[in-house]
PDB file of all heavy atoms in Angstrom:
ATOM      1  N   ARG A   1     333.608  90.533 173.921  1.00  0.00           N
ATOM      2  CA  ARG A   1     334.193  90.433 172.582  1.00  0.00           C
ATOM      3  C   ARG A   1     333.143  90.225 171.492  1.00  0.00           C
ATOM      4  O   ARG A   1     333.461  90.324 170.307  1.00  0.00           O
ATOM      5  CB  ARG A   1     335.213  89.284 172.556  1.00  0.00           C
ATOM      6  CG  ARG A   1     336.468  89.567 173.378  1.00  0.00           C
ATOM      7  CD  ARG A   1     337.442  88.404 173.302  1.00  0.00           C
ATOM      8  NE  ARG A   1     338.644  88.609 174.091  1.00  0.00           N
ATOM      9  CZ  ARG A   1     339.728  89.254 173.673  1.00  0.00           C
ATOM     10  NH1 ARG A   1     339.753  89.779 172.456  1.00  0.00           N
ATOM     11  NH2 ARG A   1     340.782  89.373 174.455  1.00  0.00           N
ATOM     12  N   THR A   2     331.923  89.913 171.875  1.00  0.00           N
ATOM     13  CA  THR A   2     330.854  89.721 170.890  1.00  0.00           C
ATOM     14  C   THR A   2     329.816  90.831 170.963  1.00  0.00           C
ATOM     15  O   THR A   2     328.663  90.649 170.576  1.00  0.00           O
ATOM     16  CB  THR A   2     330.179  88.349 171.082  1.00  0.00           C
ATOM     17  OG1 THR A   2     329.753  88.202 172.449  1.00  0.00           O
ATOM     18  CG2 THR A   2     331.139  87.223 170.729  1.00  0.00           C
ATOM     19  N   GLY A   3     330.222  92.011 171.477  1.00  0.00           N
ATOM     20  CA  GLY A   3     329.373  93.187 171.432  1.00  0.00           C
ATOM     21  C   GLY A   3     328.328  93.283 172.519  1.00  0.00           C
ATOM     22  O   GLY A   3     327.395  94.088 172.409  1.00  0.00           O
ATOM     23  N   LYS A   4     328.467  92.502 173.581  1.00  0.00           N
ATOM     24  CA  LYS A   4     327.493  92.533 174.675  1.00  0.00           C
ATOM     25  C   LYS A   4     328.180  93.039 175.950  1.00  0.00           C
ATOM     26  O   LYS A   4     328.206  92.374 176.985  1.00  0.00           O
ATOM     27  CB  LYS A   4     326.890  91.146 174.893  1.00  0.00           C
ATOM     28  CG  LYS A   4     326.238  90.554 173.638  1.00  0.00           C
ATOM     29  CD  LYS A   4     325.727  89.158 173.894  1.00  0.00           C
ATOM     30  CE  LYS A   4     325.125  88.542 172.642  1.00  0.00           C
ATOM     31  NZ  LYS A   4     326.128  88.266 171.594  1.00  0.00           N
ATOM     32  N   SER A   5     328.735  94.232 175.863  1.00  0.00           N
ATOM     33  CA  SER A   5     329.571  94.757 176.950  1.00  0.00           C
ATOM     34  C   SER A   5     328.780  95.012 178.224  1.00  0.00           C
ATOM     35  O   SER A   5     329.317  94.854 179.331  1.00  0.00           O
ATOM     36  CB  SER A   5     330.277  96.040 176.491  1.00  0.00           C
ATOM     37  OG  SER A   5     329.335  97.031 176.130  1.00  0.00           O
ATOM     38  N   ASP A   6     327.517  95.398 178.114  1.00  0.00           N
ATOM     39  CA  ASP A   6     326.729  95.647 179.320  1.00  0.00           C
ATOM     40  C   ASP A   6     326.470  94.351 180.089  1.00  0.00           C
ATOM     41  O   ASP A   6     326.509  94.333 181.321  1.00  0.00           O
ATOM     42  CB  ASP A   6     325.410  96.323 178.966  1.00  0.00           C
ATOM     43  CG  ASP A   6     325.601  97.769 178.515  1.00  0.00           C
ATOM     44  OD1 ASP A   6     326.663  98.339 178.825  1.00  0.00           O
ATOM     45  OD2 ASP A   6     324.701  98.312 177.845  1.00  0.00           O
ATOM     46  N   GLN A   7     326.214  93.256 179.364  1.00  0.00           N
ATOM     47  CA  GLN A   7     326.057  91.956 180.030  1.00  0.00           C
ATOM     48  C   GLN A   7     327.367  91.530 180.680  1.00  0.00           C
ATOM     49  O   GLN A   7     327.377  90.975 181.776  1.00  0.00           O
ATOM     50  CB  GLN A   7     325.593  90.908 179.024  1.00  0.00           C
ATOM     51  CG  GLN A   7     324.199  91.126 178.460  1.00  0.00           C
ATOM     52  CD  GLN A   7     323.806  90.046 177.480  1.00  0.00           C
ATOM     53  OE1 GLN A   7     324.010  88.858 177.714  1.00  0.00           O
ATOM     54  NE2 GLN A   7     323.241  90.465 176.346  1.00  0.00           N
ATOM     55  N   ALA A   8     328.458  91.787 179.995  1.00  0.00           N
ATOM     56  CA  ALA A   8     329.775  91.464 180.559  1.00  0.00           C
ATOM     57  C   ALA A   8     330.011  92.241 181.842  1.00  0.00           C
ATOM     58  O   ALA A   8     330.505  91.699 182.840  1.00  0.00           O
ATOM     59  CB  ALA A   8     330.872  91.767 179.544  1.00  0.00           C
ATOM     60  N   ALA A   9     329.642  93.520 181.840  1.00  0.00           N
ATOM     61  CA  ALA A   9     329.856  94.371 183.011  1.00  0.00           C
ATOM     62  C   ALA A   9     329.046  93.886 184.204  1.00  0.00           C
ATOM     63  O   ALA A   9     329.509  93.962 185.352  1.00  0.00           O
ATOM     64  CB  ALA A   9     329.488  95.810 182.679  1.00  0.00           C
ATOM     65  N   THR A  10     327.855  93.374 183.971  1.00  0.00           N
ATOM     66  CA  THR A  10     327.038  92.835 185.069  1.00  0.00           C
ATOM     67  C   THR A  10     327.749  91.680 185.756  1.00  0.00           C
ATOM     68  O   THR A  10     327.772  91.586 186.990  1.00  0.00           O
ATOM     69  CB  THR A  10     325.676  92.369 184.526  1.00  0.00           C
ATOM     70  OG1 THR A  10     324.982  93.490 183.963  1.00  0.00           O
ATOM     71  CG2 THR A  10     324.826  91.765 185.642  1.00  0.00           C
ATOM     72  N   ILE A  11     328.355  90.793 184.963  1.00  0.00           N
ATOM     73  CA  ILE A  11     329.065  89.647 185.531  1.00  0.00           C
ATOM     74  C   ILE A  11     330.326  90.095 186.262  1.00  0.00           C
ATOM     75  O   ILE A  11     330.614  89.637 187.373  1.00  0.00           O
ATOM     76  CB  ILE A  11     329.415  88.634 184.419  1.00  0.00           C
ATOM     77  CG1 ILE A  11     328.137  88.066 183.805  1.00  0.00           C
ATOM     78  CG2 ILE A  11     330.292  87.513 184.969  1.00  0.00           C
ATOM     79  CD1 ILE A  11     328.379  87.160 182.610  1.00  0.00           C
ATOM     80  N   VAL A  12     331.087  90.979 185.655  1.00  0.00           N
ATOM     81  CA  VAL A  12     332.318  91.463 186.290  1.00  0.00           C
ATOM     82  C   VAL A  12     331.990  92.163 187.605  1.00  0.00           C
ATOM     83  O   VAL A  12     332.687  91.975 188.621  1.00  0.00           O
ATOM     84  CB  VAL A  12     333.093  92.403 185.352  1.00  0.00           C
ATOM     85  CG1 VAL A  12     334.295  93.020 186.074  1.00  0.00           C
ATOM     86  CG2 VAL A  12     333.556  91.649 184.101  1.00  0.00           C
ATOM     87  N   SER A  13     330.922  92.928 187.635  1.00  0.00           N
ATOM     88  CA  SER A  13     330.507  93.596 188.875  1.00  0.00           C
ATOM     89  C   SER A  13     330.124  92.582 189.942  1.00  0.00           C
ATOM     90  O   SER A  13     330.383  92.796 191.133  1.00  0.00           O
ATOM     91  CB  SER A  13     329.322  94.535 188.594  1.00  0.00           C
ATOM     92  OG  SER A  13     329.690  95.566 187.682  1.00  0.00           O
ATOM     93  N   GLU A  14     329.541  91.470 189.518  1.00  0.00           N
ATOM     94  CA  GLU A  14     329.205  90.396 190.465  1.00  0.00           C
ATOM     95  C   GLU A  14     330.468  89.815 191.093  1.00  0.00           C
ATOM     96  O   GLU A  14     330.517  89.568 192.302  1.00  0.00           O
ATOM     97  CB  GLU A  14     328.433  89.297 189.735  1.00  0.00           C
ATOM     98  CG  GLU A  14     328.105  88.088 190.589  1.00  0.00           C
ATOM     99  CD  GLU A  14     327.512  86.929 189.791  1.00  0.00           C
ATOM    100  OE1 GLU A  14     327.153  87.140 188.604  1.00  0.00           O
ATOM    101  OE2 GLU A  14     327.418  85.815 190.346  1.00  0.00           O
ATOM    102  N   VAL A  15     331.492  89.608 190.287  1.00  0.00           N
ATOM    103  CA  VAL A  15     332.757  89.068 190.805  1.00  0.00           C
ATOM    104  C   VAL A  15     333.418  90.077 191.742  1.00  0.00           C
ATOM    105  O   VAL A  15     333.974  89.714 192.786  1.00  0.00           O
ATOM    106  CB  VAL A  15     333.694  88.693 189.649  1.00  0.00           C
ATOM    107  CG1 VAL A  15     335.069  88.277 190.174  1.00  0.00           C
ATOM    108  CG2 VAL A  15     333.086  87.570 188.800  1.00  0.00           C
ATOM    109  N   ARG A  16     333.352  91.358 191.406  1.00  0.00           N
ATOM    110  CA  ARG A  16     334.004  92.404 192.188  1.00  0.00           C
ATOM    111  C   ARG A  16     333.282  92.713 193.501  1.00  0.00           C
ATOM    112  O   ARG A  16     333.879  93.320 194.400  1.00  0.00           O
ATOM    113  CB  ARG A  16     334.072  93.694 191.359  1.00  0.00           C
ATOM    114  CG  ARG A  16     335.087  93.679 190.241  1.00  0.00           C
ATOM    115  CD  ARG A  16     334.868  94.847 189.270  1.00  0.00           C
ATOM    116  NE  ARG A  16     334.865  96.143 189.928  1.00  0.00           N
ATOM    117  CZ  ARG A  16     335.913  96.948 190.019  1.00  0.00           C
ATOM    118  NH1 ARG A  16     337.081  96.574 189.512  1.00  0.00           N
ATOM    119  NH2 ARG A  16     335.807  98.134 190.606  1.00  0.00           N
ATOM    120  N   ALA A  17     332.024  92.326 193.616  1.00  0.00           N
ATOM    121  CA  ALA A  17     331.199  92.758 194.747  1.00  0.00           C
ATOM    122  C   ALA A  17     331.814  92.423 196.096  1.00  0.00           C
ATOM    123  O   ALA A  17     331.698  93.194 197.057  1.00  0.00           O
ATOM    124  CB  ALA A  17     329.803  92.139 194.630  1.00  0.00           C
ATOM    125  N   ARG A  18     332.475  91.279 196.205  1.00  0.00           N
ATOM    126  CA  ARG A  18     333.059  90.878 197.485  1.00  0.00           C
ATOM    127  C   ARG A  18     334.337  91.652 197.815  1.00  0.00           C
ATOM    128  O   ARG A  18     334.835  91.569 198.945  1.00  0.00           O
ATOM    129  CB  ARG A  18     333.356  89.382 197.478  1.00  0.00           C
ATOM    130  CG  ARG A  18     334.399  88.972 196.448  1.00  0.00           C
ATOM    131  CD  ARG A  18     334.599  87.475 196.407  1.00  0.00           C
ATOM    132  NE  ARG A  18     335.460  87.068 195.298  1.00  0.00           N
ATOM    133  CZ  ARG A  18     335.711  85.800 194.973  1.00  0.00           C
ATOM    134  NH1 ARG A  18     335.167  84.815 195.668  1.00  0.00           N
ATOM    135  NH2 ARG A  18     336.503  85.509 193.951  1.00  0.00           N
ATOM    136  N   ASP A  19     334.869  92.357 196.848  1.00  0.00           N
ATOM    137  CA  ASP A  19     336.182  92.976 196.998  1.00  0.00           C
ATOM    138  C   ASP A  19     336.138  94.450 197.365  1.00  0.00           C
ATOM    139  O   ASP A  19     337.188  95.057 197.591  1.00  0.00           O
ATOM    140  CB  ASP A  19     336.991  92.798 195.710  1.00  0.00           C
ATOM    141  CG  ASP A  19     337.123  91.335 195.317  1.00  0.00           C
ATOM    142  OD1 ASP A  19     337.426  90.520 196.203  1.00  0.00           O
ATOM    143  OD2 ASP A  19     336.907  91.015 194.138  1.00  0.00           O
ATOM    144  N   PHE A  20     334.937  95.031 197.414  1.00  0.00           N
ATOM    145  CA  PHE A  20     334.781  96.452 197.738  1.00  0.00           C
ATOM    146  C   PHE A  20     333.700  96.622 198.802  1.00  0.00           C
ATOM    147  O   PHE A  20     332.630  96.024 198.696  1.00  0.00           O
ATOM    148  CB  PHE A  20     334.399  97.257 196.494  1.00  0.00           C
ATOM    149  CG  PHE A  20     335.483  97.349 195.457  1.00  0.00           C
ATOM    150  CD1 PHE A  20     335.651  96.329 194.520  1.00  0.00           C
ATOM    151  CD2 PHE A  20     336.336  98.438 195.419  1.00  0.00           C
ATOM    152  CE1 PHE A  20     336.641  96.400 193.557  1.00  0.00           C
ATOM    153  CE2 PHE A  20     337.335  98.522 194.465  1.00  0.00           C
ATOM    154  CZ  PHE A  20     337.496  97.505 193.528  1.00  0.00           C
ATOM    155  N   ASP A  21     333.984  97.408 199.819  1.00  0.00           N
ATOM    156  CA  ASP A  21     332.973  97.702 200.832  1.00  0.00           C
ATOM    157  C   ASP A  21     331.887  98.619 200.281  1.00  0.00           C
ATOM    158  O   ASP A  21     330.739  98.575 200.736  1.00  0.00           O
ATOM    159  CB  ASP A  21     333.627  98.341 202.064  1.00  0.00           C
ATOM    160  CG  ASP A  21     334.531  97.357 202.800  1.00  0.00           C
ATOM    161  OD1 ASP A  21     334.222  96.151 202.793  1.00  0.00           O
ATOM    162  OD2 ASP A  21     335.557  97.807 203.354  1.00  0.00           O
ATOM    163  N   ASP A  22     332.257  99.443 199.321  1.00  0.00           N
ATOM    164  CA  ASP A  22     331.315 100.359 198.701  1.00  0.00           C
ATOM    165  C   ASP A  22     330.772  99.712 197.419  1.00  0.00           C
ATOM    166  O   ASP A  22     331.513  99.528 196.447  1.00  0.00           O
ATOM    167  CB  ASP A  22     332.015 101.682 198.356  1.00  0.00           C
ATOM    168  CG  ASP A  22     331.065 102.729 197.794  1.00  0.00           C
ATOM    169  OD1 ASP A  22     329.933 102.380 197.426  1.00  0.00           O
ATOM    170  OD2 ASP A  22     331.473 103.912 197.708  1.00  0.00           O
ATOM    171  N   PRO A  23     329.487  99.347 197.373  1.00  0.00           N
ATOM    172  CA  PRO A  23     328.919  98.692 196.180  1.00  0.00           C
ATOM    173  C   PRO A  23     329.091  99.504 194.910  1.00  0.00           C
ATOM    174  O   PRO A  23     329.220  98.938 193.819  1.00  0.00           O
ATOM    175  CB  PRO A  23     327.437  98.535 196.542  1.00  0.00           C
ATOM    176  CG  PRO A  23     327.404  98.554 198.039  1.00  0.00           C
ATOM    177  CD  PRO A  23     328.499  99.486 198.452  1.00  0.00           C
ATOM    178  N   GLU A  24     329.089 100.820 195.016  1.00  0.00           N
ATOM    179  CA  GLU A  24     329.252 101.647 193.820  1.00  0.00           C
ATOM    180  C   GLU A  24     330.628 101.452 193.206  1.00  0.00           C
ATOM    181  O   GLU A  24     330.781 101.451 191.981  1.00  0.00           O
ATOM    182  CB  GLU A  24     329.016 103.119 194.166  1.00  0.00           C
ATOM    183  CG  GLU A  24     327.559 103.455 194.475  1.00  0.00           C
ATOM    184  CD  GLU A  24     327.338 104.947 194.620  1.00  0.00           C
ATOM    185  OE1 GLU A  24     328.273 105.724 194.291  1.00  0.00           O
ATOM    186  OE2 GLU A  24     326.247 105.342 195.044  1.00  0.00           O
ATOM    187  N   LYS A  25     331.650 101.302 194.057  1.00  0.00           N
ATOM    188  CA  LYS A  25     333.003 101.100 193.532  1.00  0.00           C
ATOM    189  C   LYS A  25     333.164  99.713 192.916  1.00  0.00           C
ATOM    190  O   LYS A  25     334.047  99.510 192.067  1.00  0.00           O
ATOM    191  CB  LYS A  25     334.027 101.308 194.654  1.00  0.00           C
ATOM    192  CG  LYS A  25     334.160 102.753 195.101  1.00  0.00           C
ATOM    193  CD  LYS A  25     335.282 102.916 196.108  1.00  0.00           C
ATOM    194  CE  LYS A  25     335.473 104.383 196.496  1.00  0.00           C
ATOM    195  NZ  LYS A  25     336.574 104.572 197.472  1.00  0.00           N
ATOM    196  N   ALA A  26     332.345  98.776 193.350  1.00  0.00           N
ATOM    197  CA  ALA A  26     332.416  97.428 192.785  1.00  0.00           C
ATOM    198  C   ALA A  26     331.794  97.349 191.403  1.00  0.00           C
ATOM    199  O   ALA A  26     332.073  96.418 190.637  1.00  0.00           O
ATOM    200  CB  ALA A  26     331.721  96.440 193.717  1.00  0.00           C
ATOM    201  N   THR A  27     330.981  98.310 191.058  1.00  0.00           N
ATOM    202  CA  THR A  27     330.241  98.291 189.798  1.00  0.00           C
ATOM    203  C   THR A  27     331.055  98.897 188.665  1.00  0.00           C
ATOM    204  O   THR A  27     331.635  99.977 188.810  1.00  0.00           O
ATOM    205  CB  THR A  27     328.918  99.063 189.942  1.00  0.00           C
ATOM    206  OG1 THR A  27     328.149  98.497 191.013  1.00  0.00           O
ATOM    207  CG2 THR A  27     328.106  98.988 188.664  1.00  0.00           C
ATOM    208  N   VAL A  28     331.120  98.165 187.554  1.00  0.00           N
ATOM    209  CA  VAL A  28     331.790  98.668 186.360  1.00  0.00           C
ATOM    210  C   VAL A  28     330.785  98.718 185.215  1.00  0.00           C
ATOM    211  O   VAL A  28     329.749  98.047 185.251  1.00  0.00           O
ATOM    212  CB  VAL A  28     332.999  97.793 185.960  1.00  0.00           C
ATOM    213  CG1 VAL A  28     334.076  97.842 187.010  1.00  0.00           C
ATOM    214  CG2 VAL A  28     332.567  96.355 185.706  1.00  0.00           C
ATOM    215  N   THR A  29     331.093  99.484 184.203  1.00  0.00           N
ATOM    216  CA  THR A  29     330.228  99.602 183.038  1.00  0.00           C
ATOM    217  C   THR A  29     330.855  98.917 181.839  1.00  0.00           C
ATOM    218  O   THR A  29     332.075  98.676 181.799  1.00  0.00           O
ATOM    219  CB  THR A  29     329.966 101.078 182.700  1.00  0.00           C
ATOM    220  OG1 THR A  29     331.205 101.674 182.259  1.00  0.00           O
ATOM    221  CG2 THR A  29     329.426 101.834 183.904  1.00  0.00           C
ATOM    222  N   GLY A  30     330.026  98.622 180.854  1.00  0.00           N
ATOM    223  CA  GLY A  30     330.543  98.046 179.622  1.00  0.00           C
ATOM    224  C   GLY A  30     331.525  98.959 178.929  1.00  0.00           C
ATOM    225  O   GLY A  30     332.539  98.513 178.387  1.00  0.00           O
TER     226      GLY A  30
END
């Protein structure tokens, strides 16, 4: 919400990592 979407995406991808067997699918972009 403060214009740092790429940093946000790094954190969200960290949370998602345990939920996908394929690391690429766990990764999201800003």
